[in-house]
Amino acid sequence: MNEELLYIARLMEKNVNKRSLYQSEMIKIPAPHFVVFYNGKEKKPEDTTIKLSDAFRQKEKEPELELKVRYLNINQGCNPELMKRCKTLREYSEFVARIRKYAIGETAIEKAVDRAVAECIEEGILADFLSSQRAEVVRTISSIAYCSHRNL
């Protein structure tokens, strides 16, 4: 939740120019809605909301600062209605599932990622993106997996 709060602060900063911070009128900003697409390995609910106040050391009845973030599990088999409506999320979920499947048997994570990329391109899954960004995708996912001890 801490990362989300910092990200949100940076987004809100873009809506306010530095001079307007010191004016007496209230600065109007767009109404925010926060969503995180979860695709980690831990078993999580399909749709849940977490609050910043859940992380407070001291619980308060009415916290002076609150942030609600909706978490949607996009792992395979989760949120079928959402997946039916959003082809990109469905294909991304399939791509991640393939990487995980191949990472179990492959000695190098790069090989597992490259295999999943090649298959997905061949089958039309995120094909345009993976074709144009193949090297970056393999490098990035391999780095993340290495840094997190292959915890894809």
C-alpha atoms as a PDB file:
ATOM      1  CA  MET A   1       0.000   0.000   0.000  1.00  0.00           C
ATOM      2  CA  ASN A   2       2.917   2.368   0.644  1.00  0.00           C
ATOM      3  CA  GLU A   3       4.008   2.258  -3.012  1.00  0.00           C
ATOM      4  CA  GLU A   4       0.491   3.094  -4.095  1.00  0.00           C
ATOM      5  CA  LEU A   5       0.367   6.128  -1.822  1.00  0.00           C
ATOM      6  CA  LEU A   6       3.628   7.506  -3.263  1.00  0.00           C
ATOM      7  CA  TYR A   7       2.412   6.870  -6.812  1.00  0.00           C
ATOM      8  CA  ILE A   8      -0.859   8.650  -6.097  1.00  0.00           C
ATOM      9  CA  ALA A   9       0.984  11.654  -4.631  1.00  0.00           C
ATOM     10  CA  ARG A  10       3.039  11.937  -7.827  1.00  0.00           C
ATOM     11  CA  LEU A  11      -0.119  11.745  -9.952  1.00  0.00           C
ATOM     12  CA  MET A  12      -1.896  14.401  -7.904  1.00  0.00           C
ATOM     13  CA  GLU A  13       1.151  16.657  -8.114  1.00  0.00           C
ATOM     14  CA  LYS A  14       0.708  16.742 -11.898  1.00  0.00           C
ATOM     15  CA  ASN A  15      -2.757  18.279 -11.424  1.00  0.00           C
ATOM     16  CA  VAL A  16      -1.471  21.171  -9.356  1.00  0.00           C
ATOM     17  CA  ASN A  17       0.990  23.768 -10.535  1.00  0.00           C
ATOM     18  CA  LYS A  18       3.415  25.053  -7.922  1.00  0.00           C
ATOM     19  CA  ARG A  19       1.996  28.608  -7.806  1.00  0.00           C
ATOM     20  CA  SER A  20      -1.558  27.405  -7.172  1.00  0.00           C
ATOM     21  CA  LEU A  21      -0.459  25.639  -3.979  1.00  0.00           C
ATOM     22  CA  TYR A  22      -0.347  29.002  -2.219  1.00  0.00           C
ATOM     23  CA  GLN A  23      -3.664  30.419  -3.394  1.00  0.00           C
ATOM     24  CA  SER A  24      -6.608  30.712  -1.071  1.00  0.00           C
ATOM     25  CA  GLU A  25      -9.182  28.980  -3.310  1.00  0.00           C
ATOM     26  CA  MET A  26      -9.578  25.227  -3.297  1.00  0.00           C
ATOM     27  CA  ILE A  27      -7.880  23.529  -6.236  1.00  0.00           C
ATOM     28  CA  LYS A  28     -10.266  21.214  -8.079  1.00  0.00           C
ATOM     29  CA  ILE A  29      -8.853  17.829  -9.090  1.00  0.00           C
ATOM     30  CA  PRO A  30     -10.318  14.841 -10.948  1.00  0.00           C
ATOM     31  CA  ALA A  31     -12.058  12.266  -8.759  1.00  0.00           C
ATOM     32  CA  PRO A  32      -9.608   9.373  -8.436  1.00  0.00           C
ATOM     33  CA  HIS A  33     -10.386   5.660  -8.661  1.00  0.00           C
ATOM     34  CA  PHE A  34      -7.605   3.254  -7.774  1.00  0.00           C
ATOM     35  CA  VAL A  35      -7.321  -0.284  -9.101  1.00  0.00           C
ATOM     36  CA  VAL A  36      -4.494  -2.795  -8.842  1.00  0.00           C
ATOM     37  CA  PHE A  37      -4.449  -5.859 -11.072  1.00  0.00           C
ATOM     38  CA  TYR A  38      -2.996  -8.659  -8.962  1.00  0.00           C
ATOM     39  CA  ASN A  39      -1.200 -11.551 -10.657  1.00  0.00           C
ATOM     40  CA  GLY A  40       1.037 -12.832  -7.867  1.00  0.00           C
ATOM     41  CA  LYS A  41       1.367 -16.453  -6.845  1.00  0.00           C
ATOM     42  CA  GLU A  42      -0.341 -16.193  -3.457  1.00  0.00           C
ATOM     43  CA  LYS A  43      -3.982 -17.173  -3.289  1.00  0.00           C
ATOM     44  CA  LYS A  44      -5.972 -13.925  -3.133  1.00  0.00           C
ATOM     45  CA  PRO A  45      -9.662 -13.048  -3.455  1.00  0.00           C
ATOM     46  CA  GLU A  46     -10.911 -12.185  -6.929  1.00  0.00           C
ATOM     47  CA  ASP A  47     -12.099  -8.728  -5.911  1.00  0.00           C
ATOM     48  CA  THR A  48     -11.211  -6.975  -2.684  1.00  0.00           C
ATOM     49  CA  THR A  49     -10.667  -3.463  -1.411  1.00  0.00           C
ATOM     50  CA  ILE A  50      -7.864  -2.509   0.919  1.00  0.00           C
ATOM     51  CA  LYS A  51      -7.545   0.739   2.811  1.00  0.00           C
ATOM     52  CA  LEU A  52      -4.526   2.786   3.750  1.00  0.00           C
ATOM     53  CA  SER A  53      -5.811   2.880   7.332  1.00  0.00           C
ATOM     54  CA  ASP A  54      -5.324  -0.910   7.499  1.00  0.00           C
ATOM     55  CA  ALA A  55      -1.590  -0.151   7.629  1.00  0.00           C
ATOM     56  CA  PHE A  56      -1.827   2.393  10.450  1.00  0.00           C
ATOM     57  CA  ARG A  57      -0.091   1.313  13.658  1.00  0.00           C
ATOM     58  CA  GLN A  58      -2.852   2.877  15.699  1.00  0.00           C
ATOM     59  CA  LYS A  59      -6.361   2.107  14.501  1.00  0.00           C
ATOM     60  CA  GLU A  60      -8.746   5.030  14.382  1.00  0.00           C
ATOM     61  CA  LYS A  61     -12.509   5.022  14.088  1.00  0.00           C
ATOM     62  CA  GLU A  62     -12.462   7.792  11.482  1.00  0.00           C
ATOM     63  CA  PRO A  63      -8.965   8.221  10.036  1.00  0.00           C
ATOM     64  CA  GLU A  64      -8.135  11.730   8.869  1.00  0.00           C
ATOM     65  CA  LEU A  65      -6.484  10.329   5.751  1.00  0.00           C
ATOM     66  CA  GLU A  66      -7.956   7.379   3.883  1.00  0.00           C
ATOM     67  CA  LEU A  67      -7.297   5.747   0.562  1.00  0.00           C
ATOM     68  CA  LYS A  68      -9.215   2.819  -0.865  1.00  0.00           C
ATOM     69  CA  VAL A  69      -7.670   0.624  -3.538  1.00  0.00           C
ATOM     70  CA  ARG A  70      -9.576  -2.075  -5.359  1.00  0.00           C
ATOM     71  CA  TYR A  71      -7.529  -5.221  -6.001  1.00  0.00           C
ATOM     72  CA  LEU A  72      -8.655  -7.454  -8.852  1.00  0.00           C
ATOM     73  CA  ASN A  73      -7.053 -10.870  -9.193  1.00  0.00           C
ATOM     74  CA  ILE A  74      -6.217 -11.448 -12.857  1.00  0.00           C
ATOM     75  CA  ASN A  75      -4.648 -14.880 -12.520  1.00  0.00           C
ATOM     76  CA  GLN A  76      -6.049 -17.614 -14.734  1.00  0.00           C
ATOM     77  CA  GLY A  77      -9.446 -18.793 -13.556  1.00  0.00           C
ATOM     78  CA  CYS A  78     -10.167 -15.579 -11.645  1.00  0.00           C
ATOM     79  CA  ASN A  79     -12.657 -12.855 -12.512  1.00  0.00           C
ATOM     80  CA  PRO A  80     -14.143 -14.578 -15.566  1.00  0.00           C
ATOM     81  CA  GLU A  81     -16.547 -11.699 -16.312  1.00  0.00           C
ATOM     82  CA  LEU A  82     -13.711  -9.166 -16.331  1.00  0.00           C
ATOM     83  CA  MET A  83     -11.599 -11.453 -18.505  1.00  0.00           C
ATOM     84  CA  LYS A  84     -14.473 -11.909 -20.928  1.00  0.00           C
ATOM     85  CA  ARG A  85     -14.817  -8.120 -21.276  1.00  0.00           C
ATOM     86  CA  CYS A  86     -11.095  -7.301 -21.491  1.00  0.00           C
ATOM     87  CA  LYS A  87      -9.115  -9.220 -24.088  1.00  0.00           C
ATOM     88  CA  THR A  88      -5.785  -7.641 -23.114  1.00  0.00           C
ATOM     89  CA  LEU A  89      -6.071  -8.689 -19.459  1.00  0.00           C
ATOM     90  CA  ARG A  90      -7.162 -12.181 -20.499  1.00  0.00           C
ATOM     91  CA  GLU A  91      -4.176 -12.512 -22.832  1.00  0.00           C
ATOM     92  CA  TYR A  92      -1.786 -11.083 -20.253  1.00  0.00           C
ATOM     93  CA  SER A  93      -3.060 -13.627 -17.731  1.00  0.00           C
ATOM     94  CA  GLU A  94      -2.421 -16.414 -20.246  1.00  0.00           C
ATOM     95  CA  PHE A  95       1.078 -15.097 -20.953  1.00  0.00           C
ATOM     96  CA  VAL A  96       2.004 -15.024 -17.243  1.00  0.00           C
ATOM     97  CA  ALA A  97       0.560 -18.525 -16.721  1.00  0.00           C
ATOM     98  CA  ARG A  98       2.750 -19.861 -19.532  1.00  0.00           C
ATOM     99  CA  ILE A  99       5.875 -18.266 -18.118  1.00  0.00           C
ATOM    100  CA  ARG A 100       5.147 -19.855 -14.736  1.00  0.00           C
ATOM    101  CA  LYS A 101       4.505 -23.234 -16.335  1.00  0.00           C
ATOM    102  CA  TYR A 102       7.761 -23.186 -18.318  1.00  0.00           C
ATOM    103  CA  ALA A 103       9.816 -21.716 -15.469  1.00  0.00           C
ATOM    104  CA  ILE A 104       9.247 -24.911 -13.494  1.00  0.00           C
ATOM    105  CA  GLY A 105      11.006 -27.091 -16.066  1.00  0.00           C
ATOM    106  CA  GLU A 106      13.511 -24.676 -17.610  1.00  0.00           C
ATOM    107  CA  THR A 107      16.926 -24.165 -16.050  1.00  0.00           C
ATOM    108  CA  ALA A 108      17.147 -20.519 -17.100  1.00  0.00           C
ATOM    109  CA  ILE A 109      14.245 -18.143 -16.575  1.00  0.00           C
ATOM    110  CA  GLU A 110      15.202 -16.395 -19.831  1.00  0.00           C
ATOM    111  CA  LYS A 111      14.449 -19.607 -21.736  1.00  0.00           C
ATOM    112  CA  ALA A 112      11.057 -19.952 -20.058  1.00  0.00           C
ATOM    113  CA  VAL A 113      10.135 -16.349 -20.862  1.00  0.00           C
ATOM    114  CA  ASP A 114      11.418 -16.592 -24.434  1.00  0.00           C
ATOM    115  CA  ARG A 115       9.448 -19.810 -24.970  1.00  0.00           C
ATOM    116  CA  ALA A 116       6.252 -18.224 -23.639  1.00  0.00           C
ATOM    117  CA  VAL A 117       6.802 -15.133 -25.799  1.00  0.00           C
ATOM    118  CA  ALA A 118       7.363 -17.222 -28.935  1.00  0.00           C
ATOM    119  CA  GLU A 119       4.256 -19.357 -28.320  1.00  0.00           C
ATOM    120  CA  CYS A 120       2.056 -16.370 -27.540  1.00  0.00           C
ATOM    121  CA  ILE A 121       3.164 -14.538 -30.684  1.00  0.00           C
ATOM    122  CA  GLU A 122       2.497 -17.675 -32.752  1.00  0.00           C
ATOM    123  CA  GLU A 123      -0.981 -18.058 -31.224  1.00  0.00           C
ATOM    124  CA  GLY A 124      -1.918 -14.373 -31.453  1.00  0.00           C
ATOM    125  CA  ILE A 125      -1.755 -13.720 -27.699  1.00  0.00           C
ATOM    126  CA  LEU A 126      -0.482 -10.154 -27.122  1.00  0.00           C
ATOM    127  CA  ALA A 127       1.179 -10.734 -30.486  1.00  0.00           C
ATOM    128  CA  ASP A 128       1.661  -7.113 -31.597  1.00  0.00           C
ATOM    129  CA  PHE A 129       3.124  -6.016 -28.283  1.00  0.00           C
ATOM    130  CA  LEU A 130       5.321  -9.072 -27.783  1.00  0.00           C
ATOM    131  CA  SER A 131       6.592  -8.932 -31.361  1.00  0.00           C
ATOM    132  CA  SER A 132       7.621  -5.299 -31.122  1.00  0.00           C
ATOM    133  CA  GLN A 133       8.945  -5.467 -27.548  1.00  0.00           C
ATOM    134  CA  ARG A 134      10.266  -9.027 -27.377  1.00  0.00           C
ATOM    135  CA  ALA A 135      13.820  -8.292 -26.171  1.00  0.00           C
ATOM    136  CA  GLU A 136      12.620  -5.787 -23.565  1.00  0.00           C
ATOM    137  CA  VAL A 137       9.939  -8.180 -22.272  1.00  0.00           C
ATOM    138  CA  VAL A 138      12.405 -11.066 -21.907  1.00  0.00           C
ATOM    139  CA  ARG A 139      14.998  -8.839 -20.240  1.00  0.00           C
ATOM    140  CA  THR A 140      12.537  -7.181 -17.855  1.00  0.00           C
ATOM    141  CA  ILE A 141      10.705 -10.322 -16.754  1.00  0.00           C
ATOM    142  CA  SER A 142      13.957 -12.227 -16.383  1.00  0.00           C
ATOM    143  CA  SER A 143      15.384  -9.426 -14.212  1.00  0.00           C
ATOM    144  CA  ILE A 144      12.288  -9.299 -12.033  1.00  0.00           C
ATOM    145  CA  ALA A 145      12.289 -13.068 -11.620  1.00  0.00           C
ATOM    146  CA  TYR A 146      15.991 -13.076 -10.788  1.00  0.00           C
ATOM    147  CA  CYS A 147      15.629 -10.260  -8.244  1.00  0.00           C
ATOM    148  CA  SER A 148      12.686 -11.961  -6.576  1.00  0.00           C
ATOM    149  CA  HIS A 149      14.380 -15.367  -6.622  1.00  0.00           C
ATOM    150  CA  ARG A 150      12.283 -16.733  -9.458  1.00  0.00           C
ATOM    151  CA  ASN A 151       9.073 -15.915  -7.655  1.00  0.00           C
ATOM    152  CA  LEU A 152       6.970 -15.305 -10.760  1.00  0.00           C
END
